């Protein structure tokens, strides 16, 4: 299972660093807030949506992306090396 470290959690935001060994995953979850992901290195994540649809996301170190609340998925490290990203949620 991927490891999460909550770095900030206040009235407005929650910032979490997610760290994965190869093949580790977050477990299926639903995002209750809009969020931004900031990759800490280049790599690939395998995304499995709640309906079983699978996609591979290629991430670039420092290049962030935004998603709206309600996303329901499992995120899996699809690399043969450790991977991490920072997730910033807007409450």
N, C-alpha and C. Protein backbone atom coordinates (compact mmCIF):
# COMPACT_ATOMS: atom_id res chain seq x y z
N UNK A 1 0.85 -1.18 0.00
CA UNK A 1 0.00 0.00 0.00
C UNK A 1 0.90 1.24 0.00
N UNK A 2 0.54 2.23 -0.81
CA UNK A 2 1.27 3.49 -0.84
C UNK A 2 1.22 4.16 0.53
N UNK A 3 2.25 4.94 0.82
CA UNK A 3 2.31 5.65 2.09
C UNK A 3 1.94 7.10 1.89
N UNK A 4 1.15 7.63 2.82
CA UNK A 4 0.76 9.04 2.74
C UNK A 4 1.30 9.77 3.97
N UNK A 5 1.78 10.98 3.73
CA UNK A 5 2.26 11.85 4.81
C UNK A 5 1.54 13.18 4.68
N UNK A 6 0.66 13.48 5.63
CA UNK A 6 -0.05 14.77 5.59
C UNK A 6 0.92 15.84 6.06
N UNK A 7 1.16 16.81 5.19
CA UNK A 7 2.12 17.87 5.46
C UNK A 7 1.44 19.12 6.01
N UNK A 8 0.24 19.40 5.51
CA UNK A 8 -0.57 20.55 5.96
C UNK A 8 -2.01 20.10 5.97
N UNK A 9 -2.76 20.47 7.01
CA UNK A 9 -4.19 20.19 7.06
C UNK A 9 -4.84 21.29 7.89
N UNK A 10 -5.48 22.22 7.19
CA UNK A 10 -6.15 23.33 7.87
C UNK A 10 -7.53 23.55 7.26
N UNK A 11 -8.15 24.68 7.56
CA UNK A 11 -9.51 24.95 7.08
C UNK A 11 -9.61 25.03 5.56
N UNK A 12 -8.53 25.41 4.89
CA UNK A 12 -8.59 25.66 3.46
C UNK A 12 -7.96 24.58 2.59
N UNK A 13 -6.91 23.95 3.09
CA UNK A 13 -6.18 22.98 2.27
C UNK A 13 -5.71 21.78 3.08
N UNK A 14 -5.48 20.70 2.33
CA UNK A 14 -4.76 19.55 2.88
C UNK A 14 -3.70 19.19 1.84
N UNK A 15 -2.46 19.10 2.29
CA UNK A 15 -1.35 18.76 1.41
C UNK A 15 -0.78 17.42 1.88
N UNK A 16 -0.74 16.46 0.96
CA UNK A 16 -0.29 15.10 1.28
C UNK A 16 0.79 14.68 0.30
N UNK A 17 1.87 14.13 0.83
CA UNK A 17 2.89 13.52 -0.03
C UNK A 17 2.60 12.02 -0.08
N UNK A 18 2.42 11.50 -1.30
CA UNK A 18 2.20 10.07 -1.52
C UNK A 18 3.48 9.45 -2.04
N UNK A 19 3.89 8.33 -1.44
CA UNK A 19 5.10 7.62 -1.84
C UNK A 19 4.75 6.16 -2.13
N UNK A 20 5.23 5.66 -3.24
CA UNK A 20 4.91 4.31 -3.72
C UNK A 20 6.17 3.55 -4.07
N UNK A 21 6.25 2.31 -3.68
CA UNK A 21 7.24 1.39 -4.23
C UNK A 21 6.61 0.80 -5.50
N UNK A 22 7.40 0.18 -6.36
CA UNK A 22 6.83 -0.40 -7.59
C UNK A 22 5.63 -1.30 -7.29
N UNK A 23 4.54 -1.08 -8.01
CA UNK A 23 3.34 -1.89 -7.87
C UNK A 23 2.43 -1.51 -6.72
N UNK A 24 2.87 -0.65 -5.81
CA UNK A 24 2.00 -0.25 -4.69
C UNK A 24 0.89 0.67 -5.18
N UNK A 25 -0.22 0.67 -4.45
CA UNK A 25 -1.38 1.46 -4.85
C UNK A 25 -1.98 2.20 -3.66
N UNK A 26 -2.86 3.14 -3.97
CA UNK A 26 -3.55 3.93 -2.94
C UNK A 26 -4.77 3.21 -2.39
N UNK A 27 -5.26 2.22 -3.13
CA UNK A 27 -6.57 1.65 -2.83
C UNK A 27 -7.62 2.53 -3.48
N UNK A 28 -8.74 1.94 -3.83
CA UNK A 28 -9.81 2.72 -4.46
C UNK A 28 -10.32 3.77 -3.48
N UNK A 29 -10.52 4.99 -3.98
CA UNK A 29 -10.98 6.09 -3.13
C UNK A 29 -11.71 7.13 -3.98
N UNK A 30 -12.52 7.93 -3.31
CA UNK A 30 -13.24 9.03 -3.95
C UNK A 30 -12.70 10.34 -3.40
N UNK A 31 -12.35 11.25 -4.28
CA UNK A 31 -11.86 12.56 -3.86
C UNK A 31 -13.04 13.45 -3.46
N UNK A 32 -13.02 13.91 -2.23
CA UNK A 32 -14.11 14.76 -1.75
C UNK A 32 -13.86 16.24 -2.03
N UNK A 33 -12.67 16.59 -2.50
CA UNK A 33 -12.32 17.98 -2.80
C UNK A 33 -11.66 18.07 -4.17
N UNK A 34 -11.73 19.27 -4.79
CA UNK A 34 -10.90 19.56 -5.96
C UNK A 34 -9.45 19.44 -5.52
N UNK A 35 -8.57 19.04 -6.44
CA UNK A 35 -7.18 18.86 -6.05
C UNK A 35 -6.20 19.07 -7.20
N UNK A 36 -4.94 19.30 -6.84
CA UNK A 36 -3.83 19.42 -7.77
C UNK A 36 -2.78 18.40 -7.37
N UNK A 37 -2.18 17.75 -8.36
CA UNK A 37 -1.09 16.80 -8.13
C UNK A 37 0.19 17.39 -8.71
N UNK A 38 1.28 17.33 -7.92
CA UNK A 38 2.59 17.79 -8.36
C UNK A 38 3.56 16.60 -8.28
N UNK A 39 3.95 16.03 -9.42
CA UNK A 39 4.87 14.89 -9.41
C UNK A 39 6.26 15.32 -8.92
N UNK A 40 6.89 14.45 -8.14
CA UNK A 40 8.23 14.74 -7.61
C UNK A 40 9.33 14.21 -8.53
N UNK A 41 8.97 13.41 -9.53
CA UNK A 41 9.92 12.93 -10.55
C UNK A 41 9.11 12.46 -11.75
N UNK A 42 9.78 12.21 -12.85
CA UNK A 42 9.12 11.66 -14.03
C UNK A 42 8.72 10.21 -13.75
N UNK A 43 7.58 9.80 -14.27
CA UNK A 43 7.16 8.42 -14.10
C UNK A 43 5.76 8.19 -14.61
N UNK A 44 5.31 6.94 -14.45
CA UNK A 44 3.98 6.55 -14.92
C UNK A 44 3.14 6.04 -13.77
N UNK A 45 1.87 6.40 -13.79
CA UNK A 45 0.90 5.88 -12.85
C UNK A 45 -0.18 5.16 -13.63
N UNK A 46 -0.55 4.00 -13.13
CA UNK A 46 -1.68 3.25 -13.70
C UNK A 46 -2.91 3.66 -12.91
N UNK A 47 -3.94 4.11 -13.61
CA UNK A 47 -5.17 4.58 -12.99
C UNK A 47 -6.28 3.59 -13.33
N UNK A 48 -6.95 3.06 -12.30
CA UNK A 48 -8.08 2.17 -12.50
C UNK A 48 -9.31 2.87 -11.95
N UNK A 49 -10.21 3.28 -12.85
CA UNK A 49 -11.43 3.96 -12.43
C UNK A 49 -12.39 2.99 -11.77
N UNK A 50 -13.40 3.53 -11.08
CA UNK A 50 -14.37 2.71 -10.35
C UNK A 50 -15.09 1.71 -11.25
N UNK A 51 -15.16 2.00 -12.56
CA UNK A 51 -15.83 1.08 -13.49
C UNK A 51 -14.88 0.07 -14.12
N UNK A 52 -13.60 0.07 -13.65
CA UNK A 52 -12.62 -0.89 -14.16
C UNK A 52 -11.80 -0.40 -15.34
N UNK A 53 -12.12 0.79 -15.87
CA UNK A 53 -11.36 1.34 -16.99
C UNK A 53 -9.93 1.64 -16.53
N UNK A 54 -8.95 1.22 -17.34
CA UNK A 54 -7.54 1.40 -16.99
C UNK A 54 -6.89 2.38 -17.94
N UNK A 55 -6.08 3.29 -17.39
CA UNK A 55 -5.30 4.20 -18.22
C UNK A 55 -3.92 4.37 -17.57
N UNK A 56 -2.96 4.78 -18.38
CA UNK A 56 -1.61 5.05 -17.90
C UNK A 56 -1.36 6.55 -18.04
N UNK A 57 -1.00 7.18 -16.94
CA UNK A 57 -0.69 8.61 -16.94
C UNK A 57 0.82 8.78 -16.89
N UNK A 58 1.37 9.52 -17.85
CA UNK A 58 2.81 9.82 -17.84
C UNK A 58 2.98 11.18 -17.19
N UNK A 59 3.70 11.20 -16.08
CA UNK A 59 3.88 12.42 -15.31
C UNK A 59 5.30 12.94 -15.46
N UNK A 60 5.43 14.25 -15.41
CA UNK A 60 6.72 14.92 -15.53
C UNK A 60 6.99 15.69 -14.26
N UNK A 61 8.18 15.53 -13.71
CA UNK A 61 8.56 16.20 -12.47
C UNK A 61 8.19 17.68 -12.50
N UNK A 62 7.43 18.11 -11.48
CA UNK A 62 7.08 19.51 -11.32
C UNK A 62 5.94 20.01 -12.19
N UNK A 63 5.45 19.19 -13.12
CA UNK A 63 4.35 19.61 -14.00
C UNK A 63 3.05 19.14 -13.36
N UNK A 64 2.31 20.08 -12.80
CA UNK A 64 1.11 19.74 -12.04
C UNK A 64 -0.12 19.62 -12.93
N UNK A 65 -1.16 18.97 -12.37
CA UNK A 65 -2.44 18.90 -13.05
C UNK A 65 -3.56 19.00 -12.02
N UNK A 66 -4.74 19.42 -12.47
CA UNK A 66 -5.91 19.66 -11.64
C UNK A 66 -6.99 18.64 -11.94
N UNK A 67 -7.71 18.21 -10.91
CA UNK A 67 -8.89 17.35 -11.07
C UNK A 67 -10.00 17.87 -10.15
N UNK A 68 -11.23 17.71 -10.59
CA UNK A 68 -12.39 18.12 -9.79
C UNK A 68 -12.76 17.03 -8.79
N UNK A 69 -13.40 17.43 -7.72
CA UNK A 69 -13.84 16.47 -6.71
C UNK A 69 -14.76 15.42 -7.35
N UNK A 70 -14.86 14.28 -6.68
CA UNK A 70 -15.73 13.21 -7.17
C UNK A 70 -15.00 12.12 -7.93
N UNK A 71 -13.72 12.34 -8.26
CA UNK A 71 -12.95 11.31 -8.96
C UNK A 71 -12.90 10.06 -8.07
N UNK A 72 -13.19 8.92 -8.67
CA UNK A 72 -13.23 7.64 -7.94
C UNK A 72 -12.28 6.68 -8.66
N UNK A 73 -11.13 6.38 -8.02
CA UNK A 73 -10.14 5.56 -8.69
C UNK A 73 -9.15 4.92 -7.71
N UNK A 74 -8.31 4.06 -8.26
CA UNK A 74 -7.15 3.52 -7.57
C UNK A 74 -5.93 3.95 -8.38
N UNK A 75 -4.87 4.36 -7.69
CA UNK A 75 -3.66 4.83 -8.35
C UNK A 75 -2.53 3.86 -8.01
N UNK A 76 -1.82 3.38 -9.04
CA UNK A 76 -0.80 2.36 -8.88
C UNK A 76 0.51 2.84 -9.50
N UNK A 77 1.63 2.65 -8.78
CA UNK A 77 2.95 2.97 -9.32
C UNK A 77 3.24 1.99 -10.45
N UNK A 78 3.36 2.52 -11.66
CA UNK A 78 3.56 1.69 -12.86
C UNK A 78 5.02 1.77 -13.33
N UNK A 79 5.93 1.96 -12.38
CA UNK A 79 7.36 2.07 -12.66
C UNK A 79 8.10 0.94 -11.97
N UNK A 80 9.36 0.76 -12.33
CA UNK A 80 10.20 -0.22 -11.63
C UNK A 80 11.10 0.48 -10.61
N UNK A 81 10.65 1.66 -10.15
CA UNK A 81 11.36 2.45 -9.15
C UNK A 81 10.35 3.15 -8.25
N UNK A 82 10.83 3.63 -7.11
CA UNK A 82 9.96 4.38 -6.18
C UNK A 82 9.46 5.64 -6.87
N UNK A 83 8.24 6.03 -6.52
CA UNK A 83 7.63 7.22 -7.13
C UNK A 83 6.87 7.99 -6.06
N UNK A 84 6.81 9.30 -6.22
CA UNK A 84 6.02 10.10 -5.26
C UNK A 84 5.45 11.34 -5.93
N UNK A 85 4.38 11.83 -5.33
CA UNK A 85 3.80 13.10 -5.76
C UNK A 85 3.19 13.78 -4.54
N UNK A 86 2.98 15.08 -4.69
CA UNK A 86 2.31 15.87 -3.66
C UNK A 86 0.91 16.19 -4.17
N UNK A 87 -0.07 15.95 -3.31
CA UNK A 87 -1.47 16.22 -3.64
C UNK A 87 -1.94 17.38 -2.77
N UNK A 88 -2.50 18.41 -3.42
CA UNK A 88 -3.01 19.59 -2.72
C UNK A 88 -4.51 19.63 -2.91
N UNK A 89 -5.26 19.47 -1.81
CA UNK A 89 -6.72 19.48 -1.87
C UNK A 89 -7.25 20.81 -1.38
N UNK A 90 -8.29 21.31 -2.03
CA UNK A 90 -8.92 22.59 -1.69
C UNK A 90 -10.25 22.33 -1.02
N UNK A 91 -10.32 22.60 0.27
CA UNK A 91 -11.53 22.31 1.05
C UNK A 91 -12.61 23.35 0.81
